[in-house]
Protein backbone atom coordinates (compact mmCIF):
# COMPACT_ATOMS: atom_id res chain seq x y z
CA MET A 1 107.45 123.79 110.53
CA ARG A 2 110.68 121.46 108.88
CA TRP A 3 109.68 118.23 107.39
CA GLU A 4 110.87 117.73 103.68
CA GLY A 5 112.67 114.89 102.63
CA ASP A 6 111.52 112.51 105.74
CA ARG A 7 110.13 109.12 105.63
CA GLN A 8 106.32 109.25 104.21
CA SER A 9 103.58 106.90 105.72
CA ASP A 10 102.21 104.16 103.26
CA ASN A 11 98.72 104.16 105.43
CA VAL A 12 97.32 107.13 103.87
CA GLU A 13 94.31 106.66 101.66
CA ASP A 14 93.27 109.39 98.64
CA VAL A 15 89.51 108.84 97.93
CA ARG A 16 89.30 112.65 97.02
CA GLY A 17 87.10 113.02 93.69
CA SER A 18 85.89 109.23 94.12
CA GLY A 19 82.40 110.51 94.82
CA GLY A 20 82.05 109.00 98.21
CA GLY A 21 79.18 109.88 100.19
CA GLY A 22 83.23 109.20 110.97
CA GLY A 23 86.62 111.79 118.92
CA GLY A 24 86.44 114.51 116.59
CA PHE A 25 89.10 117.53 116.71
CA GLY A 26 86.61 119.43 118.15
CA ILE A 27 84.81 122.20 116.16
CA GLY A 28 81.81 120.70 114.38
CA GLY A 29 89.35 97.49 118.96
CA GLY A 30 91.22 95.76 120.08
CA THR A 31 93.18 96.19 123.94
CA VAL A 32 97.17 96.49 124.10
CA GLY A 33 98.88 94.85 127.06
CA ILE A 34 101.23 97.52 128.09
CA GLY A 35 101.83 96.69 131.23
CA THR A 36 102.39 99.76 133.98
CA ILE A 37 101.67 102.36 131.50
CA VAL A 38 97.97 101.60 131.46
CA ILE A 39 97.63 101.98 134.96
CA ALA A 40 98.92 105.41 134.95
CA LEU A 41 96.63 106.11 132.28
CA ILE A 42 93.25 104.37 132.61
CA GLY A 43 93.15 106.07 136.34
CA SER A 44 89.48 106.24 137.22
CA TRP A 45 86.23 104.64 134.98
CA PHE A 46 83.85 106.93 136.74
CA PHE A 47 84.45 109.23 133.81
CA GLY A 48 82.05 107.23 131.02
CA VAL A 49 81.79 109.02 127.43
CA SER A 50 83.19 109.16 124.41
CA PRO A 51 83.60 111.99 121.71
CA SER A 52 79.95 112.73 121.13
CA THR A 53 80.34 112.38 117.05
CA ILE A 54 82.15 109.19 117.13
CA LEU A 55 82.36 107.12 120.27
CA ASN A 56 78.63 106.68 120.66
CA LEU A 57 79.11 104.58 117.51
CA LEU A 58 81.17 101.69 118.94
CA THR A 59 77.95 100.05 120.73
CA GLY A 60 77.18 97.93 117.60
CA GLY A 61 78.52 94.23 117.96
CA GLY A 62 80.74 91.98 115.82
CA ALA A 63 83.14 92.77 113.45
CA PRO A 64 82.72 96.38 111.35
CA ALA A 65 81.83 96.17 107.70
CA GLN A 66 84.21 96.82 105.57
CA VAL A 67 84.09 99.54 103.12
CA GLN A 68 85.75 99.46 100.21
CA GLN A 69 86.02 102.25 97.50
CA ALA A 70 88.81 102.92 94.91
CA PRO A 71 89.50 106.42 93.75
CA ALA A 72 88.68 107.61 90.61
CA HIS A 73 92.15 108.99 89.61
CA PRO A 74 95.60 108.16 90.69
CA PRO A 75 95.94 109.74 94.31
CA ALA A 76 97.30 113.26 94.31
CA ASN A 77 101.26 113.80 95.33
CA ASP A 78 101.39 117.72 95.98
CA ARG A 79 102.55 119.47 98.71
CA GLU A 80 99.91 119.13 100.89
CA THR A 81 99.38 115.52 100.56
CA GLN A 82 103.01 114.87 101.37
CA PHE A 83 103.22 116.85 104.28
CA VAL A 84 99.92 114.63 105.57
CA LYS A 85 102.10 111.48 104.64
CA THR A 86 104.71 112.85 106.30
CA VAL A 87 103.21 113.89 109.46
CA LEU A 88 101.55 110.29 109.74
CA GLY A 89 105.28 108.71 109.52
CA TYR A 90 105.88 110.73 112.08
CA THR A 91 103.34 109.61 114.71
CA GLU A 92 104.08 105.86 113.59
CA ASP A 93 107.71 106.56 114.35
CA THR A 94 107.00 108.32 117.65
CA TRP A 95 104.05 105.52 119.20
CA THR A 96 105.86 102.66 117.75
CA GLN A 97 108.83 103.58 119.83
CA ILE A 98 106.95 104.28 122.88
CA PHE A 99 104.91 101.17 122.79
CA ARG A 100 108.10 99.09 122.25
CA ALA A 101 109.98 100.91 125.09
CA ASN A 102 106.64 99.69 127.47
CA GLY A 103 106.99 95.91 125.81
CA ALA A 104 103.93 96.69 123.35
CA THR A 105 103.35 96.73 119.45
CA TYR A 106 102.03 99.67 118.14
CA THR A 107 99.62 99.16 115.21
CA PRO A 108 99.24 102.00 113.02
CA PRO A 109 95.83 103.64 112.04
CA LYS A 110 94.87 104.25 108.28
CA LEU A 111 94.40 108.01 107.47
CA ARG A 112 91.58 108.84 104.86
CA LEU A 113 91.90 112.02 102.75
CA TYR A 114 88.24 112.80 101.33
CA THR A 115 86.38 115.55 100.24
CA GLY A 116 82.46 116.43 101.69
CA ARG A 117 81.53 112.96 102.88
CA THR A 118 82.90 109.23 102.89
CA PRO A 119 81.35 105.89 103.86
CA THR A 120 83.15 104.42 107.20
CA GLY A 121 83.93 101.15 108.55
CA GLY A 122 81.38 101.02 111.12
CA CYS A 123 81.01 104.98 112.22
CA GLY A 124 78.24 106.08 109.79
CA LEU A 125 78.98 108.33 106.79
CA GLY A 126 81.60 110.87 107.30
CA ASP A 127 80.85 114.34 106.75
CA ALA A 128 83.38 116.96 106.28
CA ALA A 129 81.26 119.29 108.61
CA VAL A 130 82.42 117.83 111.68
CA GLY A 131 85.80 118.47 111.01
CA PRO A 132 88.52 115.67 111.24
CA PHE A 133 87.55 112.73 112.86
CA TYR A 134 88.62 109.00 114.20
CA CYS A 135 86.76 106.08 113.92
CA PRO A 136 87.48 103.13 117.03
CA ALA A 137 85.54 101.01 114.55
CA ASP A 138 87.58 100.81 111.74
CA ARG A 139 90.89 102.45 113.08
CA LYS A 140 90.65 105.35 110.72
CA VAL A 141 91.52 108.80 110.44
CA TYR A 142 89.14 110.56 108.53
CA LEU A 143 90.30 113.94 107.07
CA ASP A 144 88.80 116.86 104.55
CA LEU A 145 91.98 119.39 103.93
CA ASP A 146 89.29 121.86 103.36
CA PHE A 147 89.21 121.66 107.43
CA PHE A 148 92.96 123.66 107.69
CA ARG A 149 91.93 126.30 104.97
CA MET A 150 88.76 127.08 107.28
CA MET A 151 90.65 126.82 110.56
CA GLN A 152 92.58 129.82 109.06
CA GLN A 153 89.51 131.87 107.23
CA ARG A 154 87.11 131.31 110.41
CA PHE A 155 89.89 131.45 113.51
CA HIS A 156 92.80 132.98 111.70
CA VAL A 157 94.89 130.29 112.63
CA GLY A 158 97.34 128.28 110.45
CA GLY A 159 100.69 126.68 109.82
CA GLU A 160 101.99 123.66 109.11
CA PHE A 161 102.99 122.45 112.98
CA THR A 162 99.06 123.58 113.69
CA GLN A 163 97.86 121.12 110.78
CA ALA A 164 100.53 118.39 112.47
CA TYR A 165 98.96 118.66 115.61
CA VAL A 166 95.52 118.30 114.32
CA ILE A 167 96.51 115.17 112.90
CA ALA A 168 98.45 114.19 115.94
CA HIS A 169 95.49 114.78 118.10
CA GLU A 170 93.36 112.32 115.94
CA VAL A 171 96.27 109.37 115.95
CA GLY A 172 95.95 110.46 119.91
CA HIS A 173 92.07 108.69 120.04
CA HIS A 174 93.79 105.69 117.96
CA VAL A 175 96.25 105.14 120.86
CA GLN A 176 93.55 105.62 123.44
CA ASN A 177 91.74 103.09 121.65
CA LEU A 178 94.48 100.51 121.43
CA LEU A 179 94.65 101.13 124.94
CA GLY A 180 91.33 99.86 125.51
CA ILE A 181 90.68 103.79 127.09
CA SER A 182 88.27 104.28 124.58
CA ALA A 183 86.16 101.22 124.82
CA LYS A 184 86.04 101.35 128.63
CA VAL A 185 85.22 104.74 128.65
CA ASP A 186 82.58 104.47 126.30
CA SER A 187 81.02 101.44 128.44
CA ALA A 188 80.99 103.55 131.64
CA ARG A 189 79.57 106.51 130.53
CA ARG A 190 76.16 104.65 129.78
CA HIS A 191 75.33 104.91 133.53
CA LEU A 192 76.16 108.65 133.80
CA SER A 193 73.86 111.89 133.99
CA GLU A 194 74.22 114.08 130.76
CA ALA A 195 76.31 116.33 132.60
CA GLN A 196 78.57 114.05 133.67
CA ALA A 197 78.87 112.34 130.36
CA ASN A 198 80.12 115.72 129.04
CA ALA A 199 82.65 115.83 131.79
CA ALA A 200 84.27 112.54 130.76
CA SER A 201 84.45 113.72 127.26
CA VAL A 202 86.66 116.76 127.69
CA ARG A 203 89.01 114.28 129.87
CA LEU A 204 89.05 112.12 127.04
CA GLU A 205 89.81 115.08 124.28
CA LEU A 206 92.22 116.68 126.63
CA GLN A 207 93.89 113.43 126.79
CA ALA A 208 94.10 113.60 123.12
CA ASP A 209 95.72 116.76 123.04
CA CYS A 210 98.01 116.05 125.66
CA PHE A 211 99.23 112.77 123.53
CA ALA A 212 99.71 115.43 120.38
CA GLY A 213 101.68 117.12 122.73
CA VAL A 214 103.95 113.77 123.09
CA TRP A 215 104.01 113.16 119.98
CA ALA A 216 105.46 116.43 119.19
CA TYR A 217 108.03 116.12 121.74
CA HIS A 218 109.94 113.38 120.92
CA THR A 219 109.34 114.02 117.29
CA ASN A 220 111.41 117.19 117.46
CA GLN A 221 114.21 115.41 119.63
CA ALA A 222 114.53 113.00 116.64
CA LYS A 223 113.70 115.42 113.72
CA GLN A 224 114.02 119.13 114.99
CA ILE A 225 110.60 119.64 112.85
CA ILE A 226 110.01 122.83 115.27
CA GLU A 227 110.76 126.28 113.83
CA GLN A 228 110.21 129.60 115.63
CA GLY A 229 106.76 130.38 116.11
CA ASP A 230 105.10 126.93 115.43
CA VAL A 231 104.30 125.94 119.12
CA GLU A 232 102.67 129.74 119.30
CA SER A 233 100.55 128.86 116.36
CA ALA A 234 99.40 125.35 117.52
CA LEU A 235 98.50 127.14 121.08
CA ASN A 236 96.36 129.51 119.27
CA ALA A 237 94.94 127.06 117.86
CA ALA A 238 94.32 124.77 120.63
CA SER A 239 92.80 128.37 122.22
CA ALA A 240 90.68 128.97 119.39
CA ILE A 241 88.83 125.72 119.21
CA GLY A 242 87.84 125.44 122.98
CA ASP A 243 84.75 124.91 124.05
CA ASP A 244 84.02 128.12 125.48
CA ALA A 245 85.67 130.53 122.97
CA LEU A 246 83.64 128.27 120.16
CA GLN A 247 80.37 128.82 122.53
CA ARG A 248 80.95 132.59 122.91
CA GLN A 249 81.20 132.88 119.64
CA SER A 250 78.49 131.05 117.93
CA ARG A 251 75.75 132.10 120.70
CA GLY A 252 77.15 134.34 122.80
CA VAL A 253 76.95 132.65 126.20
CA VAL A 254 78.90 129.75 127.66
CA VAL A 255 77.62 126.62 129.32
CA PRO A 256 80.03 124.64 131.00
CA ASP A 257 77.58 121.73 131.84
CA SER A 258 77.74 121.39 127.43
CA PHE A 259 81.49 121.01 127.30
CA THR A 260 82.58 118.47 125.50
CA HIS A 261 86.31 118.85 124.67
CA GLY A 262 87.36 121.54 127.18
CA THR A 263 87.99 125.33 127.62
CA SER A 264 90.49 126.89 125.87
CA ALA A 265 92.80 127.19 128.75
CA GLN A 266 92.34 123.34 129.32
CA ARG A 267 93.52 122.52 125.64
CA VAL A 268 96.68 124.89 125.91
CA ARG A 269 97.47 123.41 129.39
CA TRP A 270 97.31 119.77 128.36
CA PHE A 271 98.82 120.25 124.83
CA THR A 272 101.80 121.80 126.90
CA ARG A 273 102.01 119.18 129.25
CA GLY A 274 102.82 116.65 126.88
CA LEU A 275 104.97 118.68 125.10
CA GLN A 276 107.07 119.91 127.87
CA THR A 277 107.44 116.26 129.45
CA GLY A 278 107.39 114.22 126.47
CA SER A 279 105.58 111.78 128.98
CA VAL A 280 102.61 109.13 128.46
CA GLU A 281 102.26 108.88 131.98
CA GLN A 282 101.89 112.97 132.47
CA CYS A 283 98.45 112.78 130.54
CA ASN A 284 96.52 110.82 132.76
CA THR A 285 93.82 113.30 132.66
CA PHE A 286 90.88 110.65 134.08
CA GLU A 287 92.78 111.29 138.01
CA ALA A 288 93.44 114.95 137.33
CA ARG A 289 91.69 117.15 140.18
CA GLN A 290 91.96 120.00 138.32
CA LEU A 291 91.93 119.91 134.45
């Protein structure tokens, strides 16, 4: 993946080493008036669940508590940190343009780099064991970089474009939050059975995968970031973290009613759809008859 020398985001908080201590990627707000694109995205609200690790924490009322924790040392500026800042900058540029084209303003999330555990502004104590996650209450993406090393060791998938896909997926949840999708789904899910709630969670996660593909399409059009083998690596990662693959690896059997993120084939399909079309409207998983 080509990225060196491009603009780096100022929205990265580095609290690694500060002694701190959270939908997720799938291993462990206010509404923006965006016109017709909202109608195309929201579809049916009969699917009423959010990622089990995060969006069920949205039910508390009032403004989220603000957690401030200063780093114990100056933020790192190594290659890995610069990469994260650059990728977040790419997401800012892409989503700003998409929102602007639809008469809306994009407010970017913060991204917090942490190690082990970290307090959040409304989602409890973030734990690296759940993997990268987005907290709608404080509009932040939380990332422990050890996750990328675990992906390589456990699933034998890696590469910088794969890591960018992970970040873009979490930013996809932020886009859902801005559009009001997350809150609508979370409200509706309270009236569903567990199986129906899980099915709705799958649709929310697959939409975030599709949004990640939309990001990749537009960023590559503008910056030519994708190199040979990058897409294949990202698709391998999407396949490795499908619910069916993870369940087969961990318990030897697959229980579809318990899926919360989608099968390997579904995750690949929706990321690919976003990547090939660059169209947000094509990411309407809530009205798709077949995922």
